[in-house]
Amino acid sequence: MPRADDGHFIGPGLSWPKLIRAADSGLSGGSTTNPHARLLLLLPALGDDALSDDDAPSIACRRRARLHRGRCT
């Protein structure tokens, strides 16, 4: 197991707030500018085990919005 001080520490992933900020950022250079698609692409990087009850509906809403090209309300 790599030590944290040798420059190769592999952490648990992104927290939910950081994942949402990354998905909603309008920064160019990614594979898509669609925030719903970004969230779905970043979801495997989620390492936060302290999600609230509101987070699952948020993921479902973004998935529906992406599939149906609609908006997440």
PDB file of N, CA and C in Angstrom:
ATOM      1  N   MET A   1       0.847  -1.181   0.000  1.00  0.00           N
ATOM      2  CA  MET A   1       0.000   0.000   0.000  1.00  0.00           C
ATOM      3  C   MET A   1       0.892   1.244   0.000  1.00  0.00           C
ATOM      4  N   PRO A   2       0.698   2.154  -0.949  1.00  0.00           N
ATOM      5  CA  PRO A   2       1.516   3.374  -0.984  1.00  0.00           C
ATOM      6  C   PRO A   2       1.281   4.246   0.251  1.00  0.00           C
ATOM      7  N   ARG A   3       2.327   4.893   0.675  1.00  0.00           N
ATOM      8  CA  ARG A   3       2.200   5.819   1.798  1.00  0.00           C
ATOM      9  C   ARG A   3       1.727   7.165   1.294  1.00  0.00           C
ATOM     10  N   ALA A   4       1.087   7.934   2.162  1.00  0.00           N
ATOM     11  CA  ALA A   4       0.541   9.239   1.790  1.00  0.00           C
ATOM     12  C   ALA A   4       1.635  10.249   1.451  1.00  0.00           C
ATOM     13  N   ASP A   5       2.841  10.033   1.946  1.00  0.00           N
ATOM     14  CA  ASP A   5       3.880  11.034   1.728  1.00  0.00           C
ATOM     15  C   ASP A   5       4.802  10.707   0.553  1.00  0.00           C
ATOM     16  N   ASP A   6       4.541   9.644  -0.199  1.00  0.00           N
ATOM     17  CA  ASP A   6       5.427   9.325  -1.313  1.00  0.00           C
ATOM     18  C   ASP A   6       4.907   9.824  -2.660  1.00  0.00           C
ATOM     19  N   GLY A   7       3.807  10.592  -2.647  1.00  0.00           N
ATOM     20  CA  GLY A   7       3.307  11.181  -3.878  1.00  0.00           C
ATOM     21  C   GLY A   7       2.393  10.280  -4.683  1.00  0.00           C
ATOM     22  N   HIS A   8       2.071   9.119  -4.170  1.00  0.00           N
ATOM     23  CA  HIS A   8       1.226   8.187  -4.904  1.00  0.00           C
ATOM     24  C   HIS A   8       0.000   7.773  -4.100  1.00  0.00           C
ATOM     25  N   PHE A   9      -0.434   8.620  -3.203  1.00  0.00           N
ATOM     26  CA  PHE A   9      -1.588   8.280  -2.376  1.00  0.00           C
ATOM     27  C   PHE A   9      -2.853   8.266  -3.219  1.00  0.00           C
ATOM     28  N   ILE A  10      -3.589   7.215  -3.124  1.00  0.00           N
ATOM     29  CA  ILE A  10      -4.859   7.102  -3.832  1.00  0.00           C
ATOM     30  C   ILE A  10      -5.961   7.216  -2.791  1.00  0.00           C
ATOM     31  N   GLY A  11      -6.667   8.323  -2.808  1.00  0.00           N
ATOM     32  CA  GLY A  11      -7.717   8.573  -1.831  1.00  0.00           C
ATOM     33  C   GLY A  11      -9.025   7.917  -2.214  1.00  0.00           C
ATOM     34  N   PRO A  12     -10.049   8.198  -1.463  1.00  0.00           N
ATOM     35  CA  PRO A  12     -11.338   7.549  -1.688  1.00  0.00           C
ATOM     36  C   PRO A  12     -12.122   8.103  -2.869  1.00  0.00           C
ATOM     37  N   GLY A  13     -11.696   9.182  -3.464  1.00  0.00           N
ATOM     38  CA  GLY A  13     -12.425   9.770  -4.581  1.00  0.00           C
ATOM     39  C   GLY A  13     -12.959  11.148  -4.231  1.00  0.00           C
ATOM     40  N   LEU A  14     -13.889  11.630  -5.040  1.00  0.00           N
ATOM     41  CA  LEU A  14     -14.463  12.960  -4.856  1.00  0.00           C
ATOM     42  C   LEU A  14     -15.598  12.936  -3.838  1.00  0.00           C
ATOM     43  N   SER A  15     -15.727  14.019  -3.109  1.00  0.00           N
ATOM     44  CA  SER A  15     -16.894  14.175  -2.243  1.00  0.00           C
ATOM     45  C   SER A  15     -18.079  14.591  -3.117  1.00  0.00           C
ATOM     46  N   TRP A  16     -19.282  14.438  -2.592  1.00  0.00           N
ATOM     47  CA  TRP A  16     -20.483  14.798  -3.355  1.00  0.00           C
ATOM     48  C   TRP A  16     -20.475  16.269  -3.756  1.00  0.00           C
ATOM     49  N   PRO A  17     -20.182  17.206  -2.844  1.00  0.00           N
ATOM     50  CA  PRO A  17     -20.159  18.620  -3.246  1.00  0.00           C
ATOM     51  C   PRO A  17     -19.134  18.917  -4.349  1.00  0.00           C
ATOM     52  N   LYS A  18     -17.956  18.289  -4.279  1.00  0.00           N
ATOM     53  CA  LYS A  18     -16.945  18.510  -5.311  1.00  0.00           C
ATOM     54  C   LYS A  18     -17.386  17.904  -6.636  1.00  0.00           C
ATOM     55  N   LEU A  19     -18.034  16.766  -6.582  1.00  0.00           N
ATOM     56  CA  LEU A  19     -18.527  16.135  -7.806  1.00  0.00           C
ATOM     57  C   LEU A  19     -19.565  17.015  -8.484  1.00  0.00           C
ATOM     58  N   ILE A  20     -20.492  17.578  -7.697  1.00  0.00           N
ATOM     59  CA  ILE A  20     -21.527  18.456  -8.243  1.00  0.00           C
ATOM     60  C   ILE A  20     -20.892  19.716  -8.835  1.00  0.00           C
ATOM     61  N   ARG A  21     -19.915  20.303  -8.121  1.00  0.00           N
ATOM     62  CA  ARG A  21     -19.238  21.499  -8.642  1.00  0.00           C
ATOM     63  C   ARG A  21     -18.520  21.194  -9.952  1.00  0.00           C
ATOM     64  N   ALA A  22     -17.875  20.058 -10.035  1.00  0.00           N
ATOM     65  CA  ALA A  22     -17.169  19.690 -11.270  1.00  0.00           C
ATOM     66  C   ALA A  22     -18.157  19.457 -12.407  1.00  0.00           C
ATOM     67  N   ALA A  23     -19.270  18.820 -12.104  1.00  0.00           N
ATOM     68  CA  ALA A  23     -20.272  18.543 -13.143  1.00  0.00           C
ATOM     69  C   ALA A  23     -20.937  19.826 -13.628  1.00  0.00           C
ATOM     70  N   ASP A  24     -21.175  20.743 -12.726  1.00  0.00           N
ATOM     71  CA  ASP A  24     -21.873  21.976 -13.079  1.00  0.00           C
ATOM     72  C   ASP A  24     -20.953  23.082 -13.587  1.00  0.00           C
ATOM     73  N   SER A  25     -19.642  22.848 -13.540  1.00  0.00           N
ATOM     74  CA  SER A  25     -18.726  23.891 -14.012  1.00  0.00           C
ATOM     75  C   SER A  25     -18.836  24.018 -15.520  1.00  0.00           C
ATOM     76  N   GLY A  26     -18.681  25.202 -16.000  1.00  0.00           N
ATOM     77  CA  GLY A  26     -18.758  25.446 -17.434  1.00  0.00           C
ATOM     78  C   GLY A  26     -17.393  25.443 -18.098  1.00  0.00           C
ATOM     79  N   LEU A  27     -16.412  24.843 -17.439  1.00  0.00           N
ATOM     80  CA  LEU A  27     -15.062  24.855 -17.976  1.00  0.00           C
ATOM     81  C   LEU A  27     -14.974  24.033 -19.250  1.00  0.00           C
ATOM     82  N   SER A  28     -14.265  24.568 -20.197  1.00  0.00           N
ATOM     83  CA  SER A  28     -14.077  23.837 -21.455  1.00  0.00           C
ATOM     84  C   SER A  28     -12.941  22.833 -21.300  1.00  0.00           C
ATOM     85  N   GLY A  29     -12.810  21.989 -22.287  1.00  0.00           N
ATOM     86  CA  GLY A  29     -11.711  21.030 -22.268  1.00  0.00           C
ATOM     87  C   GLY A  29     -12.133  19.633 -21.873  1.00  0.00           C
ATOM     88  N   GLY A  30     -13.349  19.458 -21.412  1.00  0.00           N
ATOM     89  CA  GLY A  30     -13.829  18.128 -21.065  1.00  0.00           C
ATOM     90  C   GLY A  30     -14.422  17.435 -22.272  1.00  0.00           C
ATOM     91  N   SER A  31     -14.989  16.281 -22.034  1.00  0.00           N
ATOM     92  CA  SER A  31     -15.571  15.533 -23.140  1.00  0.00           C
ATOM     93  C   SER A  31     -16.970  16.031 -23.501  1.00  0.00           C
ATOM     94  N   THR A  32     -17.596  16.773 -22.588  1.00  0.00           N
ATOM     95  CA  THR A  32     -18.931  17.306 -22.848  1.00  0.00           C
ATOM     96  C   THR A  32     -19.147  18.575 -22.028  1.00  0.00           C
ATOM     97  N   THR A  33     -20.009  19.441 -22.523  1.00  0.00           N
ATOM     98  CA  THR A  33     -20.353  20.646 -21.767  1.00  0.00           C
ATOM     99  C   THR A  33     -21.694  20.486 -21.082  1.00  0.00           C
ATOM    100  N   ASN A  34     -22.371  19.367 -21.299  1.00  0.00           N
ATOM    101  CA  ASN A  34     -23.667  19.116 -20.679  1.00  0.00           C
ATOM    102  C   ASN A  34     -23.465  18.722 -19.211  1.00  0.00           C
ATOM    103  N   PRO A  35     -24.009  19.504 -18.259  1.00  0.00           N
ATOM    104  CA  PRO A  35     -23.777  19.197 -16.844  1.00  0.00           C
ATOM    105  C   PRO A  35     -24.367  17.855 -16.413  1.00  0.00           C
ATOM    106  N   HIS A  36     -25.463  17.437 -17.017  1.00  0.00           N
ATOM    107  CA  HIS A  36     -26.055  16.143 -16.649  1.00  0.00           C
ATOM    108  C   HIS A  36     -25.156  14.999 -17.105  1.00  0.00           C
ATOM    109  N   ALA A  37     -24.619  15.113 -18.304  1.00  0.00           N
ATOM    110  CA  ALA A  37     -23.699  14.082 -18.803  1.00  0.00           C
ATOM    111  C   ALA A  37     -22.409  14.073 -17.997  1.00  0.00           C
ATOM    112  N   ARG A  38     -21.923  15.260 -17.623  1.00  0.00           N
ATOM    113  CA  ARG A  38     -20.710  15.332 -16.807  1.00  0.00           C
ATOM    114  C   ARG A  38     -20.887  14.617 -15.478  1.00  0.00           C
ATOM    115  N   LEU A  39     -22.041  14.823 -14.831  1.00  0.00           N
ATOM    116  CA  LEU A  39     -22.275  14.162 -13.552  1.00  0.00           C
ATOM    117  C   LEU A  39     -22.259  12.651 -13.740  1.00  0.00           C
ATOM    118  N   LEU A  40     -22.906  12.165 -14.764  1.00  0.00           N
ATOM    119  CA  LEU A  40     -22.941  10.718 -14.996  1.00  0.00           C
ATOM    120  C   LEU A  40     -21.547  10.178 -15.319  1.00  0.00           C
ATOM    121  N   LEU A  41     -20.745  10.946 -16.045  1.00  0.00           N
ATOM    122  CA  LEU A  41     -19.386  10.512 -16.346  1.00  0.00           C
ATOM    123  C   LEU A  41     -18.491  10.529 -15.110  1.00  0.00           C
ATOM    124  N   LEU A  42     -18.722  11.479 -14.208  1.00  0.00           N
ATOM    125  CA  LEU A  42     -17.904  11.594 -12.999  1.00  0.00           C
ATOM    126  C   LEU A  42     -18.359  10.682 -11.867  1.00  0.00           C
ATOM    127  N   LEU A  43     -19.546  10.130 -11.974  1.00  0.00           N
ATOM    128  CA  LEU A  43     -20.113   9.332 -10.887  1.00  0.00           C
ATOM    129  C   LEU A  43     -19.205   8.202 -10.402  1.00  0.00           C
ATOM    130  N   PRO A  44     -18.479   7.498 -11.275  1.00  0.00           N
ATOM    131  CA  PRO A  44     -17.572   6.461 -10.764  1.00  0.00           C
ATOM    132  C   PRO A  44     -16.462   6.998  -9.859  1.00  0.00           C
ATOM    133  N   ALA A  45     -16.181   8.295  -9.916  1.00  0.00           N
ATOM    134  CA  ALA A  45     -15.148   8.890  -9.068  1.00  0.00           C
ATOM    135  C   ALA A  45     -15.678   9.273  -7.692  1.00  0.00           C
ATOM    136  N   LEU A  46     -16.969   9.082  -7.467  1.00  0.00           N
ATOM    137  CA  LEU A  46     -17.567   9.432  -6.180  1.00  0.00           C
ATOM    138  C   LEU A  46     -17.032   8.531  -5.082  1.00  0.00           C
ATOM    139  N   GLY A  47     -16.516   9.129  -4.034  1.00  0.00           N
ATOM    140  CA  GLY A  47     -15.986   8.370  -2.917  1.00  0.00           C
ATOM    141  C   GLY A  47     -16.635   8.760  -1.608  1.00  0.00           C
ATOM    142  N   ASP A  48     -17.720   9.488  -1.668  1.00  0.00           N
ATOM    143  CA  ASP A  48     -18.383  10.006  -0.481  1.00  0.00           C
ATOM    144  C   ASP A  48     -19.431   9.014  -0.004  1.00  0.00           C
ATOM    145  N   ASP A  49     -19.279   8.537   1.235  1.00  0.00           N
ATOM    146  CA  ASP A  49     -20.275   7.605   1.765  1.00  0.00           C
ATOM    147  C   ASP A  49     -21.280   8.305   2.676  1.00  0.00           C
ATOM    148  N   ALA A  50     -21.247   9.621   2.706  1.00  0.00           N
ATOM    149  CA  ALA A  50     -22.159  10.394   3.556  1.00  0.00           C
ATOM    150  C   ALA A  50     -23.132  11.194   2.694  1.00  0.00           C
ATOM    151  N   LEU A  51     -23.785  10.522   1.762  1.00  0.00           N
ATOM    152  CA  LEU A  51     -24.741  11.202   0.894  1.00  0.00           C
ATOM    153  C   LEU A  51     -26.060  11.397   1.628  1.00  0.00           C
ATOM    154  N   SER A  52     -26.742  12.475   1.302  1.00  0.00           N
ATOM    155  CA  SER A  52     -28.035  12.743   1.929  1.00  0.00           C
ATOM    156  C   SER A  52     -29.138  12.036   1.148  1.00  0.00           C
ATOM    157  N   ASP A  53     -30.336  12.028   1.674  1.00  0.00           N
ATOM    158  CA  ASP A  53     -31.471  11.409   1.005  1.00  0.00           C
ATOM    159  C   ASP A  53     -31.870  12.158  -0.259  1.00  0.00           C
ATOM    160  N   ASP A  54     -31.434  13.405  -0.403  1.00  0.00           N
ATOM    161  CA  ASP A  54     -31.761  14.206  -1.584  1.00  0.00           C
ATOM    162  C   ASP A  54     -30.844  13.917  -2.772  1.00  0.00           C
ATOM    163  N   ASP A  55     -29.749  13.220  -2.537  1.00  0.00           N
ATOM    164  CA  ASP A  55     -28.766  13.023  -3.600  1.00  0.00           C
ATOM    165  C   ASP A  55     -29.203  11.982  -4.634  1.00  0.00           C
ATOM    166  N   ALA A  56     -29.830  10.905  -4.219  1.00  0.00           N
ATOM    167  CA  ALA A  56     -30.284   9.880  -5.172  1.00  0.00           C
ATOM    168  C   ALA A  56     -31.309  10.453  -6.151  1.00  0.00           C
ATOM    169  N   PRO A  57     -32.308  11.211  -5.689  1.00  0.00           N
ATOM    170  CA  PRO A  57     -33.218  11.830  -6.663  1.00  0.00           C
ATOM    171  C   PRO A  57     -32.494  12.789  -7.606  1.00  0.00           C
ATOM    172  N   SER A  58     -31.443  13.454  -7.134  1.00  0.00           N
ATOM    173  CA  SER A  58     -30.678  14.353  -7.990  1.00  0.00           C
ATOM    174  C   SER A  58     -30.001  13.572  -9.113  1.00  0.00           C
ATOM    175  N   ILE A  59     -29.444  12.429  -8.782  1.00  0.00           N
ATOM    176  CA  ILE A  59     -28.799  11.593  -9.796  1.00  0.00           C
ATOM    177  C   ILE A  59     -29.845  11.083 -10.778  1.00  0.00           C
ATOM    178  N   ALA A  60     -30.979  10.634 -10.269  1.00  0.00           N
ATOM    179  CA  ALA A  60     -32.047  10.127 -11.142  1.00  0.00           C
ATOM    180  C   ALA A  60     -32.583  11.225 -12.056  1.00  0.00           C
ATOM    181  N   CYS A  61     -32.743  12.424 -11.520  1.00  0.00           N
ATOM    182  CA  CYS A  61     -33.240  13.543 -12.307  1.00  0.00           C
ATOM    183  C   CYS A  61     -32.268  13.877 -13.433  1.00  0.00           C
ATOM    184  N   ARG A  62     -30.989  13.920 -13.133  1.00  0.00           N
ATOM    185  CA  ARG A  62     -29.991  14.228 -14.158  1.00  0.00           C
ATOM    186  C   ARG A  62     -29.930  13.129 -15.214  1.00  0.00           C
ATOM    187  N   ARG A  63     -30.129  11.894 -14.802  1.00  0.00           N
ATOM    188  CA  ARG A  63     -30.132  10.797 -15.769  1.00  0.00           C
ATOM    189  C   ARG A  63     -31.320  10.932 -16.719  1.00  0.00           C
ATOM    190  N   ARG A  64     -32.491  11.215 -16.145  1.00  0.00           N
ATOM    191  CA  ARG A  64     -33.675  11.410 -16.994  1.00  0.00           C
ATOM    192  C   ARG A  64     -33.486  12.598 -17.926  1.00  0.00           C
ATOM    193  N   ALA A  65     -32.939  13.681 -17.399  1.00  0.00           N
ATOM    194  CA  ALA A  65     -32.718  14.873 -18.217  1.00  0.00           C
ATOM    195  C   ALA A  65     -31.763  14.563 -19.364  1.00  0.00           C
ATOM    196  N   ARG A  66     -30.757  13.776 -19.108  1.00  0.00           N
ATOM    197  CA  ARG A  66     -29.792  13.425 -20.150  1.00  0.00           C
ATOM    198  C   ARG A  66     -30.438  12.518 -21.194  1.00  0.00           C
ATOM    199  N   LEU A  67     -31.197  11.537 -20.745  1.00  0.00           N
ATOM    200  CA  LEU A  67     -31.817  10.600 -21.679  1.00  0.00           C
ATOM    201  C   LEU A  67     -32.888  11.250 -22.542  1.00  0.00           C
ATOM    202  N   HIS A  68     -33.620  12.187 -21.950  1.00  0.00           N
ATOM    203  CA  HIS A  68     -34.734  12.813 -22.659  1.00  0.00           C
ATOM    204  C   HIS A  68     -34.410  14.226 -23.121  1.00  0.00           C
ATOM    205  N   ARG A  69     -33.144  14.616 -22.992  1.00  0.00           N
ATOM    206  CA  ARG A  69     -32.684  15.943 -23.405  1.00  0.00           C
ATOM    207  C   ARG A  69     -33.530  17.067 -22.797  1.00  0.00           C
ATOM    208  N   GLY A  70     -33.885  16.868 -21.559  1.00  0.00           N
ATOM    209  CA  GLY A  70     -34.712  17.866 -20.874  1.00  0.00           C
ATOM    210  C   GLY A  70     -33.938  18.575 -19.796  1.00  0.00           C
ATOM    211  N   ARG A  71     -34.686  19.148 -18.895  1.00  0.00           N
ATOM    212  CA  ARG A  71     -34.093  19.888 -17.774  1.00  0.00           C
ATOM    213  C   ARG A  71     -34.356  19.140 -16.485  1.00  0.00           C
ATOM    214  N   CYS A  72     -33.489  19.336 -15.558  1.00  0.00           N
ATOM    215  CA  CYS A  72     -33.630  18.745 -14.233  1.00  0.00           C
ATOM    216  C   CYS A  72     -34.269  19.802 -13.324  1.00  0.00           C
ATOM    217  N   THR A  73     -35.405  19.465 -12.754  1.00  0.00           N
ATOM    218  CA  THR A  73     -36.079  20.451 -11.895  1.00  0.00           C
ATOM    219  C   THR A  73     -36.073  20.024 -10.461  1.00  0.00           C
TER     220      THR A  73
END
